[in-house]
């Protein structure tokens, strides 16, 4: 869930996990990835995330609580970590329209690529939803994110949870001082924590693609506007807050040079 390379020099703020040494350093030639390849990576990554995030609750419903909330949270967190580690060097592994939108709003990602990324993410989520329906019908309703709290509470919880998530994503994706090798673990753990906190009330979406795919497949749209609006809002707030803190820290030591990252 980091952002894609936007042509920023290595001395400036890193633009994606491909600019950070998650596993190895990539050469300039290897970093020249087409937009189609990036879209393909976003499709696959979002497919993995949504199939896992919705699949856990479906299995939980089918087998009378076998997964539990902790199991459902682990499905989402592990899927995100896997997608980031396997696809981050290709597309940045946003796998979430809210992440892409927030990065673009904070000028960490080119607006020209936003429609392609979001289309790939939504298509991946919808594809995962219909494959789950084919695999687990008639238990598809268990995989949706439907409010059990009031709409106002659900909206607030989704904003706060996505704020937490995007704060962490911005830290590991845009700050050269962060430990890049642990990006997948940090983001996956944040998703797991968020779902433990809000999953019983909102389903723990934090991602429009996570909600839209299963909703279309199951034909259940109750409160869906919340999951289309709250995550982007929370993501923008989270990214903006970390950017604000990072600027203050950079200026506090009076030095124009950035501190070295633990990953470098």
C-alpha atoms as a PDB file:
ATOM      1  CA  UNK A   1       0.000   0.000   0.000  1.00  0.00           C
ATOM      2  CA  UNK A   2       2.714   2.330  -0.770  1.00  0.00           C
ATOM      3  CA  UNK A   3       2.695   4.788  -3.600  1.00  0.00           C
ATOM      4  CA  UNK A   4       4.123   4.491  -7.049  1.00  0.00           C
ATOM      5  CA  UNK A   5       7.288   6.144  -8.345  1.00  0.00           C
ATOM      6  CA  UNK A   6       6.482   9.700  -9.427  1.00  0.00           C
ATOM      7  CA  UNK A   7       9.881  10.642 -10.700  1.00  0.00           C
ATOM      8  CA  UNK A   8      11.103  12.034  -7.369  1.00  0.00           C
ATOM      9  CA  UNK A   9      14.862  11.920  -6.974  1.00  0.00           C
ATOM     10  CA  UNK A  10      16.373   9.557  -4.386  1.00  0.00           C
ATOM     11  CA  UNK A  11      17.379  12.524  -2.250  1.00  0.00           C
ATOM     12  CA  UNK A  12      13.770  13.670  -1.991  1.00  0.00           C
ATOM     13  CA  UNK A  13      10.865  11.976  -0.306  1.00  0.00           C
ATOM     14  CA  UNK A  14      10.669   8.336  -1.510  1.00  0.00           C
ATOM     15  CA  UNK A  15       7.602   7.757  -3.639  1.00  0.00           C
ATOM     16  CA  UNK A  16       7.056   4.023  -3.367  1.00  0.00           C
ATOM     17  CA  UNK A  17       8.222   0.773  -1.896  1.00  0.00           C
ATOM     18  CA  UNK A  18      10.143   0.314  -5.164  1.00  0.00           C
ATOM     19  CA  UNK A  19      12.280   3.268  -4.070  1.00  0.00           C
ATOM     20  CA  UNK A  20      12.919   1.646  -0.716  1.00  0.00           C
ATOM     21  CA  UNK A  21      14.992  -1.534  -0.274  1.00  0.00           C
ATOM     22  CA  UNK A  22      12.294  -3.926   0.962  1.00  0.00           C
ATOM     23  CA  UNK A  23      14.260  -6.981  -0.095  1.00  0.00           C
ATOM     24  CA  UNK A  24      16.893  -5.786  -2.553  1.00  0.00           C
ATOM     25  CA  UNK A  25      17.865  -2.742  -4.525  1.00  0.00           C
ATOM     26  CA  UNK A  26      16.415  -2.591  -8.036  1.00  0.00           C
ATOM     27  CA  UNK A  27      18.322  -1.094 -10.926  1.00  0.00           C
ATOM     28  CA  UNK A  28      16.979   1.853 -12.923  1.00  0.00           C
ATOM     29  CA  UNK A  29      16.151  -0.472 -15.810  1.00  0.00           C
ATOM     30  CA  UNK A  30      14.189  -2.796 -13.510  1.00  0.00           C
ATOM     31  CA  UNK A  31      12.274   0.184 -12.137  1.00  0.00           C
ATOM     32  CA  UNK A  32      10.895   1.109 -15.565  1.00  0.00           C
ATOM     33  CA  UNK A  33       7.517  -0.514 -15.215  1.00  0.00           C
ATOM     34  CA  UNK A  34       4.632   0.208 -17.568  1.00  0.00           C
ATOM     35  CA  UNK A  35       1.306   1.516 -16.311  1.00  0.00           C
ATOM     36  CA  UNK A  36      -0.330  -1.676 -17.589  1.00  0.00           C
ATOM     37  CA  UNK A  37       1.988  -3.775 -15.424  1.00  0.00           C
ATOM     38  CA  UNK A  38       1.203  -1.582 -12.432  1.00  0.00           C
ATOM     39  CA  UNK A  39      -2.524  -1.929 -13.087  1.00  0.00           C
ATOM     40  CA  UNK A  40      -2.136  -5.693 -13.310  1.00  0.00           C
ATOM     41  CA  UNK A  41      -0.316  -5.747  -9.990  1.00  0.00           C
ATOM     42  CA  UNK A  42      -3.046  -3.626  -8.383  1.00  0.00           C
ATOM     43  CA  UNK A  43      -5.728  -5.953  -9.761  1.00  0.00           C
ATOM     44  CA  UNK A  44      -4.004  -9.051  -8.395  1.00  0.00           C
ATOM     45  CA  UNK A  45      -3.126  -7.462  -5.064  1.00  0.00           C
ATOM     46  CA  UNK A  46      -6.660  -6.203  -4.476  1.00  0.00           C
ATOM     47  CA  UNK A  47      -8.055  -9.568  -5.552  1.00  0.00           C
ATOM     48  CA  UNK A  48      -5.878 -11.304  -2.951  1.00  0.00           C
ATOM     49  CA  UNK A  49      -6.893  -8.830  -0.267  1.00  0.00           C
ATOM     50  CA  UNK A  50     -10.645  -8.884  -0.933  1.00  0.00           C
ATOM     51  CA  UNK A  51     -10.837 -12.650  -1.440  1.00  0.00           C
ATOM     52  CA  UNK A  52      -9.098 -13.152   1.904  1.00  0.00           C
ATOM     53  CA  UNK A  53     -10.778 -10.322   3.824  1.00  0.00           C
ATOM     54  CA  UNK A  54     -14.274 -11.384   2.730  1.00  0.00           C
ATOM     55  CA  UNK A  55     -13.494 -15.094   2.626  1.00  0.00           C
ATOM     56  CA  UNK A  56     -12.664 -15.277   6.333  1.00  0.00           C
ATOM     57  CA  UNK A  57     -16.079 -14.001   7.482  1.00  0.00           C
ATOM     58  CA  UNK A  58     -17.823 -16.238   4.932  1.00  0.00           C
ATOM     59  CA  UNK A  59     -16.044 -19.310   6.307  1.00  0.00           C
ATOM     60  CA  UNK A  60     -16.900 -18.058   9.794  1.00  0.00           C
ATOM     61  CA  UNK A  61     -20.576 -17.904   8.844  1.00  0.00           C
ATOM     62  CA  UNK A  62     -20.584 -21.275   7.083  1.00  0.00           C
ATOM     63  CA  UNK A  63     -18.923 -23.129   9.938  1.00  0.00           C
ATOM     64  CA  UNK A  64     -20.718 -21.423  12.822  1.00  0.00           C
ATOM     65  CA  UNK A  65     -18.018 -19.122  14.113  1.00  0.00           C
ATOM     66  CA  UNK A  66     -14.966 -21.247  13.359  1.00  0.00           C
ATOM     67  CA  UNK A  67     -12.856 -18.256  12.295  1.00  0.00           C
ATOM     68  CA  UNK A  68     -13.816 -15.754  15.046  1.00  0.00           C
ATOM     69  CA  UNK A  69     -13.111 -12.023  14.800  1.00  0.00           C
ATOM     70  CA  UNK A  70      -9.406 -12.623  15.387  1.00  0.00           C
ATOM     71  CA  UNK A  71      -9.288 -15.070  12.492  1.00  0.00           C
ATOM     72  CA  UNK A  72     -11.112 -12.635  10.220  1.00  0.00           C
ATOM     73  CA  UNK A  73      -8.700  -9.859  11.174  1.00  0.00           C
ATOM     74  CA  UNK A  74      -5.725 -12.132  10.541  1.00  0.00           C
ATOM     75  CA  UNK A  75      -7.043 -13.018   7.070  1.00  0.00           C
ATOM     76  CA  UNK A  76      -7.070  -9.342   6.098  1.00  0.00           C
ATOM     77  CA  UNK A  77      -3.773  -8.447   7.732  1.00  0.00           C
ATOM     78  CA  UNK A  78      -1.878 -11.400   6.297  1.00  0.00           C
ATOM     79  CA  UNK A  79      -3.335 -10.844   2.825  1.00  0.00           C
ATOM     80  CA  UNK A  80      -2.230  -7.207   2.856  1.00  0.00           C
ATOM     81  CA  UNK A  81       1.259  -8.172   3.998  1.00  0.00           C
ATOM     82  CA  UNK A  82       1.553 -10.815   1.273  1.00  0.00           C
ATOM     83  CA  UNK A  83       0.372  -8.394  -1.417  1.00  0.00           C
ATOM     84  CA  UNK A  84       2.794  -5.685  -0.303  1.00  0.00           C
ATOM     85  CA  UNK A  85       5.807  -7.976  -0.148  1.00  0.00           C
ATOM     86  CA  UNK A  86       5.065  -9.619  -3.497  1.00  0.00           C
ATOM     87  CA  UNK A  87       3.819  -6.631  -5.518  1.00  0.00           C
ATOM     88  CA  UNK A  88       5.140  -3.518  -3.802  1.00  0.00           C
ATOM     89  CA  UNK A  89       8.131  -3.286  -6.130  1.00  0.00           C
ATOM     90  CA  UNK A  90       5.836  -3.293  -9.181  1.00  0.00           C
ATOM     91  CA  UNK A  91       2.976  -0.926  -8.395  1.00  0.00           C
ATOM     92  CA  UNK A  92       3.574   0.182  -4.830  1.00  0.00           C
ATOM     93  CA  UNK A  93       0.774  -2.184  -3.724  1.00  0.00           C
ATOM     94  CA  UNK A  94      -1.819   0.445  -2.879  1.00  0.00           C
ATOM     95  CA  UNK A  95      -4.598  -2.201  -3.206  1.00  0.00           C
ATOM     96  CA  UNK A  96      -7.035   0.400  -1.886  1.00  0.00           C
ATOM     97  CA  UNK A  97      -8.655   3.343  -3.727  1.00  0.00           C
ATOM     98  CA  UNK A  98      -8.537   5.400  -0.535  1.00  0.00           C
ATOM     99  CA  UNK A  99      -4.753   5.005  -0.371  1.00  0.00           C
ATOM    100  CA  UNK A 100      -4.298   5.975  -4.013  1.00  0.00           C
ATOM    101  CA  UNK A 101      -6.568   9.002  -3.625  1.00  0.00           C
ATOM    102  CA  UNK A 102      -4.825  10.184  -0.449  1.00  0.00           C
ATOM    103  CA  UNK A 103      -1.349   9.831  -1.957  1.00  0.00           C
ATOM    104  CA  UNK A 104      -2.452  11.856  -4.985  1.00  0.00           C
ATOM    105  CA  UNK A 105      -4.078  14.505  -2.782  1.00  0.00           C
ATOM    106  CA  UNK A 106      -0.816  14.880  -0.832  1.00  0.00           C
ATOM    107  CA  UNK A 107       1.179  15.074  -4.106  1.00  0.00           C
ATOM    108  CA  UNK A 108       2.967  11.776  -3.559  1.00  0.00           C
ATOM    109  CA  UNK A 109       1.360  10.161  -6.620  1.00  0.00           C
ATOM    110  CA  UNK A 110       0.467  11.453 -10.121  1.00  0.00           C
ATOM    111  CA  UNK A 111      -3.226  12.220 -10.633  1.00  0.00           C
ATOM    112  CA  UNK A 112      -2.934  10.962 -14.209  1.00  0.00           C
ATOM    113  CA  UNK A 113      -2.486   7.401 -12.929  1.00  0.00           C
ATOM    114  CA  UNK A 114      -5.250   7.547 -10.312  1.00  0.00           C
ATOM    115  CA  UNK A 115      -8.147   6.432 -12.592  1.00  0.00           C
ATOM    116  CA  UNK A 116      -6.150   3.439 -13.858  1.00  0.00           C
ATOM    117  CA  UNK A 117      -5.180   2.361 -10.353  1.00  0.00           C
ATOM    118  CA  UNK A 118      -8.686   2.725  -8.937  1.00  0.00           C
ATOM    119  CA  UNK A 119     -10.258   0.909 -11.887  1.00  0.00           C
ATOM    120  CA  UNK A 120      -7.824  -1.978 -11.422  1.00  0.00           C
ATOM    121  CA  UNK A 121      -8.509  -2.094  -7.681  1.00  0.00           C
ATOM    122  CA  UNK A 122     -12.290  -2.049  -8.041  1.00  0.00           C
ATOM    123  CA  UNK A 123     -12.174  -4.669 -10.778  1.00  0.00           C
ATOM    124  CA  UNK A 124      -9.986  -6.884  -8.610  1.00  0.00           C
ATOM    125  CA  UNK A 125     -12.363  -6.503  -5.678  1.00  0.00           C
ATOM    126  CA  UNK A 126     -15.457  -7.259  -7.762  1.00  0.00           C
ATOM    127  CA  UNK A 127     -13.777 -10.297  -9.327  1.00  0.00           C
ATOM    128  CA  UNK A 128     -12.901 -11.607  -5.877  1.00  0.00           C
ATOM    129  CA  UNK A 129     -16.483 -11.052  -4.742  1.00  0.00           C
ATOM    130  CA  UNK A 130     -17.963 -13.102  -7.565  1.00  0.00           C
ATOM    131  CA  UNK A 131     -15.416 -15.899  -7.156  1.00  0.00           C
ATOM    132  CA  UNK A 132     -16.345 -16.076  -3.479  1.00  0.00           C
ATOM    133  CA  UNK A 133     -20.024 -16.228  -4.439  1.00  0.00           C
ATOM    134  CA  UNK A 134     -19.290 -19.085  -6.822  1.00  0.00           C
ATOM    135  CA  UNK A 135     -17.259 -20.892  -4.166  1.00  0.00           C
ATOM    136  CA  UNK A 136     -19.406 -20.363  -1.059  1.00  0.00           C
ATOM    137  CA  UNK A 137     -22.991 -19.714  -2.180  1.00  0.00           C
ATOM    138  CA  UNK A 138     -25.363 -19.296  -0.306  1.00  0.00           C
ATOM    139  CA  UNK A 139     -23.124 -17.886   2.437  1.00  0.00           C
ATOM    140  CA  UNK A 140     -22.010 -14.803   0.510  1.00  0.00           C
ATOM    141  CA  UNK A 141     -23.800 -12.397   2.847  1.00  0.00           C
ATOM    142  CA  UNK A 142     -21.226 -13.096   5.546  1.00  0.00           C
ATOM    143  CA  UNK A 143     -18.458 -11.509   3.506  1.00  0.00           C
ATOM    144  CA  UNK A 144     -19.947  -8.046   3.240  1.00  0.00           C
ATOM    145  CA  UNK A 145     -19.232  -5.021   5.400  1.00  0.00           C
ATOM    146  CA  UNK A 146     -22.612  -3.935   6.756  1.00  0.00           C
ATOM    147  CA  UNK A 147     -23.123  -1.521   9.681  1.00  0.00           C
ATOM    148  CA  UNK A 148     -24.323  -3.041  12.939  1.00  0.00           C
ATOM    149  CA  UNK A 149     -23.865   0.276  14.766  1.00  0.00           C
ATOM    150  CA  UNK A 150     -25.641   3.474  13.742  1.00  0.00           C
ATOM    151  CA  UNK A 151     -24.642   5.057  10.452  1.00  0.00           C
ATOM    152  CA  UNK A 152     -22.999   7.935  12.309  1.00  0.00           C
ATOM    153  CA  UNK A 153     -20.943   5.615  14.515  1.00  0.00           C
ATOM    154  CA  UNK A 154     -20.000   3.455  11.546  1.00  0.00           C
ATOM    155  CA  UNK A 155     -18.844   6.490   9.587  1.00  0.00           C
ATOM    156  CA  UNK A 156     -16.736   7.738  12.499  1.00  0.00           C
ATOM    157  CA  UNK A 157     -15.167   4.336  13.166  1.00  0.00           C
ATOM    158  CA  UNK A 158     -14.245   3.867   9.503  1.00  0.00           C
ATOM    159  CA  UNK A 159     -12.671   7.330   9.381  1.00  0.00           C
ATOM    160  CA  UNK A 160     -10.624   6.690  12.529  1.00  0.00           C
ATOM    161  CA  UNK A 161      -9.499   3.202  11.481  1.00  0.00           C
ATOM    162  CA  UNK A 162      -8.460   4.397   8.030  1.00  0.00           C
ATOM    163  CA  UNK A 163      -6.659   7.323   9.658  1.00  0.00           C
ATOM    164  CA  UNK A 164      -4.576   4.825  11.662  1.00  0.00           C
ATOM    165  CA  UNK A 165      -3.891   2.764   8.555  1.00  0.00           C
ATOM    166  CA  UNK A 166      -2.902   5.649   6.314  1.00  0.00           C
ATOM    167  CA  UNK A 167      -0.739   7.205   9.013  1.00  0.00           C
ATOM    168  CA  UNK A 168       1.328   4.004   9.109  1.00  0.00           C
ATOM    169  CA  UNK A 169       1.366   3.637   5.315  1.00  0.00           C
ATOM    170  CA  UNK A 170       2.594   7.204   4.855  1.00  0.00           C
ATOM    171  CA  UNK A 171       5.317   6.640   7.430  1.00  0.00           C
ATOM    172  CA  UNK A 172       6.769   3.510   5.843  1.00  0.00           C
ATOM    173  CA  UNK A 173       6.223   4.612   2.227  1.00  0.00           C
ATOM    174  CA  UNK A 174       7.362   8.227   2.206  1.00  0.00           C
ATOM    175  CA  UNK A 175       9.855   8.674   5.035  1.00  0.00           C
ATOM    176  CA  UNK A 176      13.418   7.551   4.354  1.00  0.00           C
ATOM    177  CA  UNK A 177      13.984   7.127   8.092  1.00  0.00           C
ATOM    178  CA  UNK A 178      11.353   4.400   8.414  1.00  0.00           C
ATOM    179  CA  UNK A 179      12.341   0.730   8.355  1.00  0.00           C
ATOM    180  CA  UNK A 180      11.289  -0.156   4.807  1.00  0.00           C
ATOM    181  CA  UNK A 181      11.874  -3.887   5.197  1.00  0.00           C
ATOM    182  CA  UNK A 182       9.097  -4.037   7.786  1.00  0.00           C
ATOM    183  CA  UNK A 183       6.527  -2.142   5.709  1.00  0.00           C
ATOM    184  CA  UNK A 184       4.389  -5.185   4.960  1.00  0.00           C
ATOM    185  CA  UNK A 185       4.407  -6.305   8.581  1.00  0.00           C
ATOM    186  CA  UNK A 186       3.588  -2.818   9.879  1.00  0.00           C
ATOM    187  CA  UNK A 187       0.680  -2.307   7.485  1.00  0.00           C
ATOM    188  CA  UNK A 188      -0.691  -5.828   7.892  1.00  0.00           C
ATOM    189  CA  UNK A 189      -0.545  -5.492  11.679  1.00  0.00           C
ATOM    190  CA  UNK A 190      -2.384  -2.166  11.531  1.00  0.00           C
ATOM    191  CA  UNK A 191      -5.176  -3.715   9.464  1.00  0.00           C
ATOM    192  CA  UNK A 192      -5.420  -6.607  11.920  1.00  0.00           C
ATOM    193  CA  UNK A 193      -5.634  -4.184  14.861  1.00  0.00           C
ATOM    194  CA  UNK A 194      -8.213  -1.991  13.123  1.00  0.00           C
ATOM    195  CA  UNK A 195     -10.495  -4.939  12.412  1.00  0.00           C
ATOM    196  CA  UNK A 196     -10.234  -6.152  16.003  1.00  0.00           C
ATOM    197  CA  UNK A 197     -11.298  -2.664  17.103  1.00  0.00           C
ATOM    198  CA  UNK A 198     -14.116  -1.916  14.652  1.00  0.00           C
ATOM    199  CA  UNK A 199     -14.912  -5.197  12.896  1.00  0.00           C
ATOM    200  CA  UNK A 200     -17.903  -6.031  15.077  1.00  0.00           C
ATOM    201  CA  UNK A 201     -19.475  -2.619  14.397  1.00  0.00           C
ATOM    202  CA  UNK A 202     -18.611  -1.883  10.755  1.00  0.00           C
ATOM    203  CA  UNK A 203     -17.144  -5.055   9.278  1.00  0.00           C
ATOM    204  CA  UNK A 204     -13.737  -3.374   9.195  1.00  0.00           C
ATOM    205  CA  UNK A 205     -13.506  -2.136   5.623  1.00  0.00           C
ATOM    206  CA  UNK A 206     -11.125   0.858   5.417  1.00  0.00           C
ATOM    207  CA  UNK A 207     -11.172   0.185   1.689  1.00  0.00           C
ATOM    208  CA  UNK A 208     -13.917   0.949  -0.876  1.00  0.00           C
ATOM    209  CA  UNK A 209     -12.820  -2.007  -3.024  1.00  0.00           C
ATOM    210  CA  UNK A 210     -13.113  -4.342  -0.027  1.00  0.00           C
ATOM    211  CA  UNK A 211     -16.747  -3.308   0.422  1.00  0.00           C
ATOM    212  CA  UNK A 212     -17.888  -2.814  -3.163  1.00  0.00           C
ATOM    213  CA  UNK A 213     -16.823  -6.198  -4.573  1.00  0.00           C
ATOM    214  CA  UNK A 214     -18.697  -8.425  -2.096  1.00  0.00           C
ATOM    215  CA  UNK A 215     -21.644  -5.983  -2.024  1.00  0.00           C
ATOM    216  CA  UNK A 216     -22.167  -6.277  -5.778  1.00  0.00           C
ATOM    217  CA  UNK A 217     -21.741 -10.051  -5.712  1.00  0.00           C
ATOM    218  CA  UNK A 218     -24.223 -10.459  -2.847  1.00  0.00           C
ATOM    219  CA  UNK A 219     -26.593  -7.665  -3.909  1.00  0.00           C
ATOM    220  CA  UNK A 220     -26.420  -6.082  -0.434  1.00  0.00           C
ATOM    221  CA  UNK A 221     -25.893  -2.315  -0.392  1.00  0.00           C
ATOM    222  CA  UNK A 222     -27.072  -1.194   3.048  1.00  0.00           C
ATOM    223  CA  UNK A 223     -24.994   1.777   4.175  1.00  0.00           C
ATOM    224  CA  UNK A 224     -22.573   1.348   1.284  1.00  0.00           C
ATOM    225  CA  UNK A 225     -22.122   5.114   0.917  1.00  0.00           C
ATOM    226  CA  UNK A 226     -20.320   5.123   4.267  1.00  0.00           C
ATOM    227  CA  UNK A 227     -17.625   2.799   2.949  1.00  0.00           C
ATOM    228  CA  UNK A 228     -17.193   4.866  -0.200  1.00  0.00           C
ATOM    229  CA  UNK A 229     -16.766   8.177   1.674  1.00  0.00           C
ATOM    230  CA  UNK A 230     -15.303   7.486   5.124  1.00  0.00           C
ATOM    231  CA  UNK A 231     -12.112   5.614   4.096  1.00  0.00           C
ATOM    232  CA  UNK A 232     -10.913   8.289   1.614  1.00  0.00           C
ATOM    233  CA  UNK A 233     -11.573  10.969   4.235  1.00  0.00           C
ATOM    234  CA  UNK A 234      -9.697   9.052   6.919  1.00  0.00           C
ATOM    235  CA  UNK A 235      -6.851   8.302   4.513  1.00  0.00           C
ATOM    236  CA  UNK A 236      -6.368  11.964   3.618  1.00  0.00           C
ATOM    237  CA  UNK A 237      -6.367  12.925   7.299  1.00  0.00           C
ATOM    238  CA  UNK A 238      -3.868  10.196   8.175  1.00  0.00           C
ATOM    239  CA  UNK A 239      -1.495  11.056   5.342  1.00  0.00           C
ATOM    240  CA  UNK A 240      -1.721  14.767   6.116  1.00  0.00           C
ATOM    241  CA  UNK A 241      -1.058  14.227   9.813  1.00  0.00           C
ATOM    242  CA  UNK A 242       2.084  12.175   9.233  1.00  0.00           C
ATOM    243  CA  UNK A 243       3.318  14.654   6.645  1.00  0.00           C
ATOM    244  CA  UNK A 244       2.837  17.446   9.173  1.00  0.00           C
ATOM    245  CA  UNK A 245       4.723  15.597  11.895  1.00  0.00           C
ATOM    246  CA  UNK A 246       7.515  14.646   9.501  1.00  0.00           C
ATOM    247  CA  UNK A 247       8.048  18.275   8.464  1.00  0.00           C
ATOM    248  CA  UNK A 248       8.240  19.375  12.097  1.00  0.00           C
ATOM    249  CA  UNK A 249      10.800  16.678  12.880  1.00  0.00           C
ATOM    250  CA  UNK A 250      12.902  17.605   9.842  1.00  0.00           C
ATOM    251  CA  UNK A 251      13.034  21.233  10.968  1.00  0.00           C
ATOM    252  CA  UNK A 252      13.547  20.583  14.650  1.00  0.00           C
ATOM    253  CA  UNK A 253      17.236  19.662  14.428  1.00  0.00           C
ATOM    254  CA  UNK A 254      18.103  22.703  12.320  1.00  0.00           C
ATOM    255  CA  UNK A 255      19.857  20.538   9.758  1.00  0.00           C
ATOM    256  CA  UNK A 256      18.901  20.498   6.064  1.00  0.00           C
ATOM    257  CA  UNK A 257      19.989  16.868   5.745  1.00  0.00           C
ATOM    258  CA  UNK A 258      17.662  13.978   6.428  1.00  0.00           C
ATOM    259  CA  UNK A 259      18.489  11.402   9.064  1.00  0.00           C
ATOM    260  CA  UNK A 260      19.500   8.053   7.681  1.00  0.00           C
ATOM    261  CA  UNK A 261      16.894   5.336   7.508  1.00  0.00           C
ATOM    262  CA  UNK A 262      17.337   2.130   9.459  1.00  0.00           C
ATOM    263  CA  UNK A 263      16.862   0.375   6.119  1.00  0.00           C
ATOM    264  CA  UNK A 264      19.811   2.087   4.481  1.00  0.00           C
END
